Amino acid sequence: MSRAVIRLGARHKNMLYAGLVLLWASGALWLLFHYFFQADGDFGPQPHRLESWWLRLHGLAAMLALILLGSLLPNHMNLAWARRRNHRSGLPMLAVWGWLAATGYALYYFSSDTNAAWLPLLHWGAGLMLPAMLFIHLKQARKRSHRAALQPINAPSLRAVSEACPSPQPARRSARS
């Protein structure tokens, strides 16, 4: 029986990366349109007409990303935890995911005029650094797997046999049995 691997399969990895790109890009585009592409209206600057669509897409992508994150729990995270692999990069990234989920929830359900100045900063500040954290996590994992590939697994041990040390004789059965 083969040993279970922590590494993701190609289809799983592609779905995960596509979901993360969609999530990050929709959030970044919302930021871009919100702060840099406001339209001039009769009563001052108005939100760009695409801003609300980027936010809707970001909410949909967030739900998809939570499903994809959950798909990592049974094998990838569970095996990595048991084998003590990549905790230094994986645990902070998991904490940021929890932070993003909590602040996203707070933005949707508890946003008000009193927290409008600081709550979005807490969310998108963490969201913007997530790709860098993923890059570090992947780089450390590849470095570890490269080092492991260079080391032989269960290499045969060699021992010198001399005449002074005869090899052990098989146990003899007694005549009574």
N, C-alpha and C. Protein backbone atom coordinates (compact mmCIF):
# COMPACT_ATOMS: atom_id res chain seq x y z
N MET A 1 0.85 -1.18 0.00
CA MET A 1 0.00 0.00 0.00
C MET A 1 0.90 1.24 0.00
N SER A 2 0.57 2.21 -0.84
CA SER A 2 1.40 3.41 -0.92
C SER A 2 1.04 4.38 0.20
N ARG A 3 2.03 5.17 0.55
CA ARG A 3 1.86 6.15 1.61
C ARG A 3 1.09 7.35 1.08
N ALA A 4 0.14 7.85 1.85
CA ALA A 4 -0.66 9.01 1.44
C ALA A 4 0.25 10.23 1.30
N VAL A 5 0.01 11.03 0.27
CA VAL A 5 0.87 12.19 0.01
C VAL A 5 0.15 13.47 0.39
N ILE A 6 0.95 14.44 0.79
CA ILE A 6 0.42 15.75 1.17
C ILE A 6 0.18 16.58 -0.08
N ARG A 7 0.99 16.36 -1.10
CA ARG A 7 0.91 17.15 -2.34
C ARG A 7 -0.47 16.98 -2.99
N LEU A 8 -0.99 18.07 -3.53
CA LEU A 8 -2.30 18.05 -4.17
C LEU A 8 -2.21 17.47 -5.57
N GLY A 9 -3.29 16.87 -6.01
CA GLY A 9 -3.37 16.39 -7.38
C GLY A 9 -3.50 17.57 -8.34
N ALA A 10 -3.25 17.32 -9.60
CA ALA A 10 -3.24 18.40 -10.60
C ALA A 10 -4.60 19.09 -10.71
N ARG A 11 -5.68 18.31 -10.76
CA ARG A 11 -7.01 18.91 -10.90
C ARG A 11 -7.38 19.71 -9.65
N HIS A 12 -7.08 19.15 -8.48
CA HIS A 12 -7.37 19.84 -7.22
C HIS A 12 -6.58 21.15 -7.14
N LYS A 13 -5.30 21.08 -7.50
CA LYS A 13 -4.45 22.27 -7.48
C LYS A 13 -4.96 23.32 -8.45
N ASN A 14 -5.35 22.92 -9.65
CA ASN A 14 -5.85 23.88 -10.64
C ASN A 14 -7.14 24.54 -10.18
N MET A 15 -8.05 23.75 -9.59
CA MET A 15 -9.29 24.34 -9.07
C MET A 15 -9.00 25.31 -7.93
N LEU A 16 -8.08 24.94 -7.06
CA LEU A 16 -7.73 25.80 -5.93
C LEU A 16 -7.10 27.10 -6.42
N TYR A 17 -6.16 27.02 -7.34
CA TYR A 17 -5.53 28.22 -7.86
C TYR A 17 -6.52 29.10 -8.62
N ALA A 18 -7.40 28.49 -9.40
CA ALA A 18 -8.40 29.28 -10.13
C ALA A 18 -9.34 30.00 -9.16
N GLY A 19 -9.76 29.31 -8.12
CA GLY A 19 -10.62 29.95 -7.12
C GLY A 19 -9.92 31.08 -6.39
N LEU A 20 -8.65 30.88 -6.05
CA LEU A 20 -7.90 31.92 -5.35
C LEU A 20 -7.62 33.12 -6.25
N VAL A 21 -7.33 32.86 -7.52
CA VAL A 21 -7.12 33.97 -8.45
C VAL A 21 -8.40 34.77 -8.62
N LEU A 22 -9.53 34.08 -8.75
CA LEU A 22 -10.81 34.76 -8.88
C LEU A 22 -11.11 35.59 -7.63
N LEU A 23 -10.87 35.03 -6.47
CA LEU A 23 -11.12 35.73 -5.22
C LEU A 23 -10.22 36.96 -5.09
N TRP A 24 -8.92 36.77 -5.31
CA TRP A 24 -7.99 37.88 -5.15
C TRP A 24 -8.22 38.95 -6.21
N ALA A 25 -8.43 38.55 -7.45
CA ALA A 25 -8.61 39.52 -8.54
C ALA A 25 -9.89 40.32 -8.35
N SER A 26 -10.97 39.66 -7.93
CA SER A 26 -12.23 40.39 -7.73
C SER A 26 -12.11 41.39 -6.59
N GLY A 27 -11.39 41.01 -5.52
CA GLY A 27 -11.17 41.95 -4.42
C GLY A 27 -10.27 43.10 -4.83
N ALA A 28 -9.21 42.79 -5.57
CA ALA A 28 -8.29 43.84 -6.03
C ALA A 28 -8.99 44.78 -7.01
N LEU A 29 -9.82 44.23 -7.88
CA LEU A 29 -10.56 45.08 -8.82
C LEU A 29 -11.58 45.95 -8.10
N TRP A 30 -12.22 45.40 -7.06
CA TRP A 30 -13.13 46.23 -6.28
C TRP A 30 -12.35 47.39 -5.66
N LEU A 31 -11.19 47.11 -5.08
CA LEU A 31 -10.38 48.18 -4.48
C LEU A 31 -10.01 49.23 -5.52
N LEU A 32 -9.59 48.78 -6.67
CA LEU A 32 -9.18 49.68 -7.74
C LEU A 32 -10.34 50.58 -8.18
N PHE A 33 -11.49 49.97 -8.40
CA PHE A 33 -12.66 50.74 -8.85
C PHE A 33 -13.20 51.63 -7.74
N HIS A 34 -13.13 51.16 -6.50
CA HIS A 34 -13.66 51.93 -5.38
C HIS A 34 -12.84 53.19 -5.11
N TYR A 35 -11.51 53.06 -5.19
CA TYR A 35 -10.66 54.19 -4.81
C TYR A 35 -10.14 55.01 -5.98
N PHE A 36 -10.11 54.44 -7.18
CA PHE A 36 -9.48 55.17 -8.29
C PHE A 36 -10.38 55.44 -9.49
N PHE A 37 -11.52 54.79 -9.57
CA PHE A 37 -12.39 54.99 -10.72
C PHE A 37 -13.78 55.46 -10.32
N GLN A 38 -13.84 56.37 -9.38
CA GLN A 38 -15.14 56.93 -9.01
C GLN A 38 -15.61 57.86 -10.12
N ALA A 39 -16.90 57.83 -10.36
CA ALA A 39 -17.49 58.68 -11.40
C ALA A 39 -17.97 59.99 -10.77
N ASP A 40 -17.87 61.05 -11.53
CA ASP A 40 -18.38 62.34 -11.06
C ASP A 40 -19.88 62.39 -11.28
N GLY A 41 -20.59 62.70 -10.22
CA GLY A 41 -22.04 62.81 -10.30
C GLY A 41 -22.50 64.20 -9.97
N ASP A 42 -23.79 64.39 -9.96
CA ASP A 42 -24.36 65.71 -9.64
C ASP A 42 -24.05 66.14 -8.21
N PHE A 43 -23.90 65.17 -7.32
CA PHE A 43 -23.68 65.49 -5.91
C PHE A 43 -22.30 65.06 -5.44
N GLY A 44 -21.31 65.06 -6.32
CA GLY A 44 -19.95 64.68 -5.95
C GLY A 44 -19.58 63.32 -6.52
N PRO A 45 -18.48 62.76 -6.05
CA PRO A 45 -18.04 61.47 -6.58
C PRO A 45 -19.04 60.35 -6.26
N GLN A 46 -19.31 59.57 -7.26
CA GLN A 46 -20.23 58.43 -7.14
C GLN A 46 -19.44 57.14 -7.39
N PRO A 47 -19.88 56.04 -6.80
CA PRO A 47 -19.20 54.77 -7.08
C PRO A 47 -19.29 54.42 -8.57
N HIS A 48 -18.25 53.81 -9.07
CA HIS A 48 -18.26 53.35 -10.46
C HIS A 48 -19.35 52.29 -10.60
N ARG A 49 -19.96 52.20 -11.77
CA ARG A 49 -21.08 51.26 -11.94
C ARG A 49 -20.64 49.80 -11.86
N LEU A 50 -19.36 49.51 -12.10
CA LEU A 50 -18.88 48.13 -12.00
C LEU A 50 -18.45 47.74 -10.58
N GLU A 51 -18.34 48.72 -9.70
CA GLU A 51 -17.87 48.45 -8.35
C GLU A 51 -18.75 47.43 -7.62
N SER A 52 -20.04 47.57 -7.73
CA SER A 52 -20.94 46.64 -7.04
C SER A 52 -20.84 45.23 -7.64
N TRP A 53 -20.57 45.13 -8.93
CA TRP A 53 -20.44 43.82 -9.56
C TRP A 53 -19.16 43.13 -9.13
N TRP A 54 -18.08 43.89 -8.96
CA TRP A 54 -16.84 43.29 -8.46
C TRP A 54 -17.05 42.79 -7.04
N LEU A 55 -17.80 43.52 -6.25
CA LEU A 55 -18.05 43.10 -4.87
C LEU A 55 -18.92 41.85 -4.83
N ARG A 56 -19.92 41.78 -5.70
CA ARG A 56 -20.76 40.57 -5.76
C ARG A 56 -19.94 39.35 -6.18
N LEU A 57 -19.09 39.54 -7.18
CA LEU A 57 -18.23 38.45 -7.63
C LEU A 57 -17.27 38.04 -6.52
N HIS A 58 -16.78 39.01 -5.77
CA HIS A 58 -15.87 38.72 -4.66
C HIS A 58 -16.59 37.90 -3.58
N GLY A 59 -17.83 38.23 -3.28
CA GLY A 59 -18.59 37.45 -2.30
C GLY A 59 -18.82 36.03 -2.76
N LEU A 60 -19.14 35.86 -4.04
CA LEU A 60 -19.32 34.51 -4.59
C LEU A 60 -18.00 33.74 -4.56
N ALA A 61 -16.92 34.40 -4.94
CA ALA A 61 -15.60 33.75 -4.92
C ALA A 61 -15.17 33.40 -3.50
N ALA A 62 -15.57 34.21 -2.53
CA ALA A 62 -15.23 33.92 -1.13
C ALA A 62 -15.91 32.63 -0.68
N MET A 63 -17.16 32.43 -1.07
CA MET A 63 -17.85 31.18 -0.70
C MET A 63 -17.18 29.99 -1.38
N LEU A 64 -16.81 30.15 -2.63
CA LEU A 64 -16.09 29.10 -3.35
C LEU A 64 -14.75 28.83 -2.68
N ALA A 65 -14.04 29.88 -2.28
CA ALA A 65 -12.73 29.71 -1.64
C ALA A 65 -12.85 28.99 -0.30
N LEU A 66 -13.92 29.24 0.43
CA LEU A 66 -14.12 28.52 1.70
C LEU A 66 -14.36 27.04 1.46
N ILE A 67 -15.07 26.71 0.39
CA ILE A 67 -15.26 25.30 0.03
C ILE A 67 -13.92 24.69 -0.36
N LEU A 68 -13.15 25.41 -1.17
CA LEU A 68 -11.84 24.90 -1.58
C LEU A 68 -10.90 24.76 -0.39
N LEU A 69 -10.95 25.70 0.54
CA LEU A 69 -10.14 25.60 1.75
C LEU A 69 -10.55 24.38 2.56
N GLY A 70 -11.85 24.14 2.64
CA GLY A 70 -12.34 22.95 3.34
C GLY A 70 -11.89 21.66 2.66
N SER A 71 -11.70 21.70 1.35
CA SER A 71 -11.26 20.50 0.64
C SER A 71 -9.80 20.16 0.98
N LEU A 72 -9.07 21.11 1.53
CA LEU A 72 -7.68 20.85 1.93
C LEU A 72 -7.58 20.18 3.30
N LEU A 73 -8.63 20.28 4.09
CA LEU A 73 -8.57 19.76 5.46
C LEU A 73 -8.37 18.25 5.56
N PRO A 74 -9.13 17.42 4.85
CA PRO A 74 -9.01 15.97 5.10
C PRO A 74 -7.64 15.39 4.80
N ASN A 75 -7.01 15.76 3.72
CA ASN A 75 -5.73 15.17 3.38
C ASN A 75 -4.57 16.13 3.59
N HIS A 76 -4.58 17.22 2.86
CA HIS A 76 -3.42 18.11 2.83
C HIS A 76 -3.07 18.62 4.24
N MET A 77 -4.00 19.24 4.92
CA MET A 77 -3.71 19.81 6.23
C MET A 77 -3.57 18.73 7.30
N ASN A 78 -4.42 17.73 7.24
CA ASN A 78 -4.39 16.67 8.24
C ASN A 78 -3.07 15.91 8.19
N LEU A 79 -2.64 15.53 6.99
CA LEU A 79 -1.38 14.81 6.85
C LEU A 79 -0.19 15.69 7.20
N ALA A 80 -0.24 16.95 6.78
CA ALA A 80 0.86 17.87 7.10
C ALA A 80 0.97 18.07 8.60
N TRP A 81 -0.14 18.15 9.27
CA TRP A 81 -0.13 18.32 10.73
C TRP A 81 0.46 17.07 11.39
N ALA A 82 0.02 15.91 10.95
CA ALA A 82 0.50 14.66 11.54
C ALA A 82 1.99 14.45 11.28
N ARG A 83 2.46 14.86 10.12
CA ARG A 83 3.87 14.66 9.76
C ARG A 83 4.75 15.86 10.10
N ARG A 84 4.15 16.88 10.69
CA ARG A 84 4.85 18.10 11.11
C ARG A 84 5.58 18.74 9.93
N ARG A 85 4.86 18.99 8.86
CA ARG A 85 5.42 19.59 7.65
C ARG A 85 4.86 21.00 7.44
N ASN A 86 5.73 21.94 7.14
CA ASN A 86 5.40 23.31 6.74
C ASN A 86 4.48 24.05 7.72
N HIS A 87 4.67 23.82 9.00
CA HIS A 87 3.86 24.53 10.00
C HIS A 87 4.17 26.02 10.00
N ARG A 88 5.42 26.38 9.76
CA ARG A 88 5.82 27.80 9.84
C ARG A 88 5.13 28.66 8.79
N SER A 89 4.80 28.09 7.64
CA SER A 89 4.11 28.88 6.62
C SER A 89 2.63 28.52 6.54
N GLY A 90 2.28 27.29 6.85
CA GLY A 90 0.89 26.86 6.74
C GLY A 90 -0.01 27.42 7.83
N LEU A 91 0.45 27.42 9.07
CA LEU A 91 -0.38 27.93 10.17
C LEU A 91 -0.65 29.43 10.05
N PRO A 92 0.35 30.27 9.74
CA PRO A 92 0.01 31.69 9.54
C PRO A 92 -0.95 31.90 8.38
N MET A 93 -0.81 31.11 7.33
CA MET A 93 -1.71 31.26 6.20
C MET A 93 -3.14 30.84 6.60
N LEU A 94 -3.25 29.79 7.37
CA LEU A 94 -4.57 29.38 7.86
C LEU A 94 -5.16 30.45 8.78
N ALA A 95 -4.32 31.08 9.60
CA ALA A 95 -4.80 32.16 10.47
C ALA A 95 -5.29 33.35 9.65
N VAL A 96 -4.59 33.67 8.57
CA VAL A 96 -5.02 34.78 7.70
C VAL A 96 -6.34 34.42 7.03
N TRP A 97 -6.50 33.17 6.63
CA TRP A 97 -7.79 32.75 6.05
C TRP A 97 -8.92 32.94 7.06
N GLY A 98 -8.67 32.56 8.30
CA GLY A 98 -9.69 32.76 9.34
C GLY A 98 -9.97 34.24 9.56
N TRP A 99 -8.91 35.06 9.56
CA TRP A 99 -9.06 36.50 9.71
C TRP A 99 -9.89 37.08 8.57
N LEU A 100 -9.59 36.66 7.34
CA LEU A 100 -10.33 37.16 6.18
C LEU A 100 -11.80 36.75 6.24
N ALA A 101 -12.05 35.53 6.66
CA ALA A 101 -13.45 35.08 6.78
C ALA A 101 -14.19 35.90 7.84
N ALA A 102 -13.53 36.13 8.99
CA ALA A 102 -14.16 36.89 10.07
C ALA A 102 -14.39 38.35 9.69
N THR A 103 -13.38 38.99 9.09
CA THR A 103 -13.54 40.39 8.72
C THR A 103 -14.49 40.55 7.53
N GLY A 104 -14.51 39.57 6.62
CA GLY A 104 -15.48 39.61 5.53
C GLY A 104 -16.90 39.50 6.05
N TYR A 105 -17.09 38.61 7.02
CA TYR A 105 -18.40 38.46 7.66
C TYR A 105 -18.79 39.77 8.36
N ALA A 106 -17.83 40.36 9.07
CA ALA A 106 -18.10 41.62 9.77
C ALA A 106 -18.42 42.75 8.79
N LEU A 107 -17.72 42.77 7.67
CA LEU A 107 -18.01 43.81 6.67
C LEU A 107 -19.42 43.66 6.11
N TYR A 108 -19.86 42.44 5.93
CA TYR A 108 -21.17 42.22 5.34
C TYR A 108 -22.29 42.47 6.36
N TYR A 109 -22.10 42.02 7.59
CA TYR A 109 -23.20 42.08 8.54
C TYR A 109 -23.11 43.19 9.58
N PHE A 110 -21.92 43.70 9.83
CA PHE A 110 -21.76 44.69 10.91
C PHE A 110 -21.15 46.00 10.46
N SER A 111 -21.09 46.25 9.18
CA SER A 111 -20.50 47.48 8.68
C SER A 111 -21.38 48.67 9.05
N SER A 112 -20.74 49.72 9.54
CA SER A 112 -21.48 50.92 9.93
C SER A 112 -20.58 52.14 9.68
N ASP A 113 -21.12 53.32 9.93
CA ASP A 113 -20.34 54.53 9.75
C ASP A 113 -19.20 54.61 10.76
N THR A 114 -19.37 54.00 11.92
CA THR A 114 -18.33 54.10 12.95
C THR A 114 -17.12 53.21 12.63
N ASN A 115 -17.33 52.09 11.96
CA ASN A 115 -16.19 51.23 11.65
C ASN A 115 -15.80 51.24 10.17
N ALA A 116 -16.40 52.10 9.40
CA ALA A 116 -16.14 52.15 7.95
C ALA A 116 -14.72 52.61 7.64
N ALA A 117 -14.08 53.29 8.54
CA ALA A 117 -12.73 53.78 8.28
C ALA A 117 -11.67 52.71 8.51
N TRP A 118 -11.89 51.79 9.46
CA TRP A 118 -10.84 50.83 9.80
C TRP A 118 -11.15 49.39 9.46
N LEU A 119 -12.42 48.99 9.45
CA LEU A 119 -12.75 47.58 9.20
C LEU A 119 -12.37 47.12 7.79
N PRO A 120 -12.64 47.89 6.75
CA PRO A 120 -12.21 47.43 5.42
C PRO A 120 -10.69 47.30 5.30
N LEU A 121 -9.95 48.18 5.97
CA LEU A 121 -8.49 48.10 5.94
C LEU A 121 -7.99 46.79 6.54
N LEU A 122 -8.64 46.35 7.60
CA LEU A 122 -8.25 45.08 8.23
C LEU A 122 -8.47 43.91 7.28
N HIS A 123 -9.51 44.02 6.47
CA HIS A 123 -9.83 42.92 5.55
C HIS A 123 -8.92 42.95 4.33
N TRP A 124 -8.89 44.04 3.63
CA TRP A 124 -8.14 44.01 2.38
C TRP A 124 -6.64 44.09 2.59
N GLY A 125 -6.18 44.56 3.74
CA GLY A 125 -4.75 44.51 4.03
C GLY A 125 -4.26 43.07 4.13
N ALA A 126 -5.03 42.24 4.81
CA ALA A 126 -4.68 40.82 4.90
C ALA A 126 -4.88 40.11 3.56
N GLY A 127 -5.91 40.50 2.84
CA GLY A 127 -6.18 39.85 1.55
C GLY A 127 -5.11 40.12 0.51
N LEU A 128 -4.55 41.32 0.53
CA LEU A 128 -3.52 41.64 -0.44
C LEU A 128 -2.23 40.87 -0.20
N MET A 129 -1.97 40.49 1.06
CA MET A 129 -0.73 39.76 1.33
C MET A 129 -0.87 38.25 1.18
N LEU A 130 -2.06 37.75 0.96
CA LEU A 130 -2.27 36.30 0.87
C LEU A 130 -1.48 35.65 -0.28
N PRO A 131 -1.41 36.23 -1.48
CA PRO A 131 -0.60 35.58 -2.53
C PRO A 131 0.87 35.44 -2.14
N ALA A 132 1.42 36.42 -1.44
CA ALA A 132 2.82 36.33 -1.00
C ALA A 132 2.98 35.19 0.00
N MET A 133 2.01 35.05 0.89
CA MET A 133 2.07 33.95 1.86
C MET A 133 1.97 32.60 1.17
N LEU A 134 1.11 32.50 0.17
CA LEU A 134 0.99 31.25 -0.59
C LEU A 134 2.29 30.94 -1.32
N PHE A 135 2.91 31.96 -1.89
CA PHE A 135 4.18 31.77 -2.59
C PHE A 135 5.25 31.23 -1.63
N ILE A 136 5.34 31.80 -0.44
CA ILE A 136 6.31 31.35 0.56
C ILE A 136 6.01 29.92 0.97
N HIS A 137 4.75 29.60 1.18
CA HIS A 137 4.34 28.24 1.57
C HIS A 137 4.75 27.23 0.49
N LEU A 138 4.49 27.56 -0.76
CA LEU A 138 4.84 26.65 -1.85
C LEU A 138 6.34 26.52 -2.01
N LYS A 139 7.06 27.61 -1.85
CA LYS A 139 8.51 27.58 -1.99
C LYS A 139 9.13 26.71 -0.91
N GLN A 140 8.66 26.83 0.32
CA GLN A 140 9.19 26.01 1.41
C GLN A 140 8.86 24.54 1.20
N ALA A 141 7.67 24.27 0.70
CA ALA A 141 7.28 22.87 0.46
C ALA A 141 8.13 22.26 -0.65
N ARG A 142 8.39 23.02 -1.69
CA ARG A 142 9.21 22.49 -2.78
C ARG A 142 10.65 22.29 -2.34
N LYS A 143 11.15 23.20 -1.52
CA LYS A 143 12.51 23.05 -1.01
C LYS A 143 12.61 21.78 -0.16
N ARG A 144 11.62 21.55 0.67
CA ARG A 144 11.61 20.37 1.53
C ARG A 144 11.50 19.09 0.69
N SER A 145 10.64 19.09 -0.31
CA SER A 145 10.48 17.89 -1.13
C SER A 145 11.73 17.63 -1.97
N HIS A 146 12.42 18.72 -2.37
CA HIS A 146 13.66 18.56 -3.13
C HIS A 146 14.74 17.94 -2.25
N ARG A 147 14.84 18.41 -1.00
CA ARG A 147 15.81 17.83 -0.07
C ARG A 147 15.49 16.38 0.22
N ALA A 148 14.20 16.07 0.36
CA ALA A 148 13.81 14.69 0.65
C ALA A 148 14.09 13.78 -0.53
N ALA A 149 13.97 14.31 -1.75
CA ALA A 149 14.23 13.50 -2.93
C ALA A 149 15.71 13.17 -3.06
N LEU A 150 16.57 14.02 -2.52
CA LEU A 150 18.00 13.78 -2.60
C LEU A 150 18.48 12.74 -1.60
N GLN A 151 17.70 12.53 -0.53
CA GLN A 151 18.09 11.57 0.49
C GLN A 151 17.49 10.22 0.16
N PRO A 152 18.30 9.15 0.22
CA PRO A 152 17.75 7.82 -0.07
C PRO A 152 16.81 7.37 1.04
N ILE A 153 15.78 6.69 0.66
CA ILE A 153 14.81 6.17 1.61
C ILE A 153 15.20 4.73 1.92
N ASN A 154 15.36 4.41 3.20
CA ASN A 154 15.71 3.07 3.65
C ASN A 154 16.92 2.53 2.89
N ALA A 155 17.98 3.31 2.87
CA ALA A 155 19.20 2.88 2.19
C ALA A 155 19.75 1.64 2.87
N PRO A 156 20.22 0.67 2.10
CA PRO A 156 20.75 -0.54 2.74
C PRO A 156 22.01 -0.19 3.53
N SER A 157 22.13 -0.79 4.67
CA SER A 157 23.32 -0.54 5.48
C SER A 157 24.37 -1.59 5.13
N LEU A 158 25.58 -1.15 5.01
CA LEU A 158 26.69 -2.04 4.69
C LEU A 158 27.48 -2.30 5.96
N ARG A 159 27.89 -3.53 6.14
CA ARG A 159 28.73 -3.82 7.28
C ARG A 159 29.84 -4.76 6.84
N ALA A 160 30.93 -4.56 7.43
CA ALA A 160 32.09 -5.38 7.08
C ALA A 160 32.04 -6.66 7.90
N VAL A 161 32.32 -7.75 7.26
CA VAL A 161 32.35 -9.04 7.94
C VAL A 161 33.79 -9.53 7.88
N SER A 162 34.29 -9.85 9.01
CA SER A 162 35.66 -10.34 9.06
C SER A 162 35.67 -11.76 9.62
N GLU A 163 36.83 -12.40 9.53
CA GLU A 163 36.94 -13.77 10.06
C GLU A 163 36.90 -13.77 11.57
N ALA A 164 37.29 -12.65 12.17
CA ALA A 164 37.28 -12.58 13.63
C ALA A 164 35.85 -12.55 14.16
N CYS A 165 34.95 -12.08 13.37
CA CYS A 165 33.54 -11.97 13.77
C CYS A 165 32.72 -12.86 12.84
N PRO A 166 32.55 -14.10 13.14
CA PRO A 166 31.78 -14.94 12.23
C PRO A 166 30.31 -14.52 12.22
N SER A 167 29.65 -14.80 11.12
CA SER A 167 28.23 -14.47 11.03
C SER A 167 27.45 -15.40 11.93
N PRO A 168 26.34 -14.91 12.45
CA PRO A 168 25.56 -15.74 13.38
C PRO A 168 25.01 -16.97 12.67
N GLN A 169 25.03 -18.08 13.40
CA GLN A 169 24.52 -19.34 12.88
C GLN A 169 23.04 -19.42 13.17
N PRO A 170 22.27 -20.06 12.28
CA PRO A 170 20.85 -20.21 12.57
C PRO A 170 20.65 -21.10 13.79
N ALA A 171 19.61 -20.84 14.53
CA ALA A 171 19.33 -21.61 15.73
C ALA A 171 19.00 -23.05 15.34
N ARG A 172 19.57 -23.98 16.10
CA ARG A 172 19.34 -25.38 15.83
C ARG A 172 18.18 -25.87 16.66
N ARG A 173 17.42 -26.74 16.06
CA ARG A 173 16.29 -27.34 16.78
C ARG A 173 16.82 -28.48 17.64
N SER A 174 16.23 -28.58 18.76
CA SER A 174 16.64 -29.65 19.65
C SER A 174 16.07 -30.99 19.16
N ALA A 175 16.71 -32.03 19.51
CA ALA A 175 16.29 -33.36 19.05
C ALA A 175 15.00 -33.80 19.71
N ARG A 176 14.63 -33.23 20.82
CA ARG A 176 13.42 -33.64 21.55
C ARG A 176 12.15 -33.18 20.90
N SER A 177 12.15 -32.16 20.08
CA SER A 177 10.91 -31.65 19.54
C SER A 177 10.41 -32.39 18.35
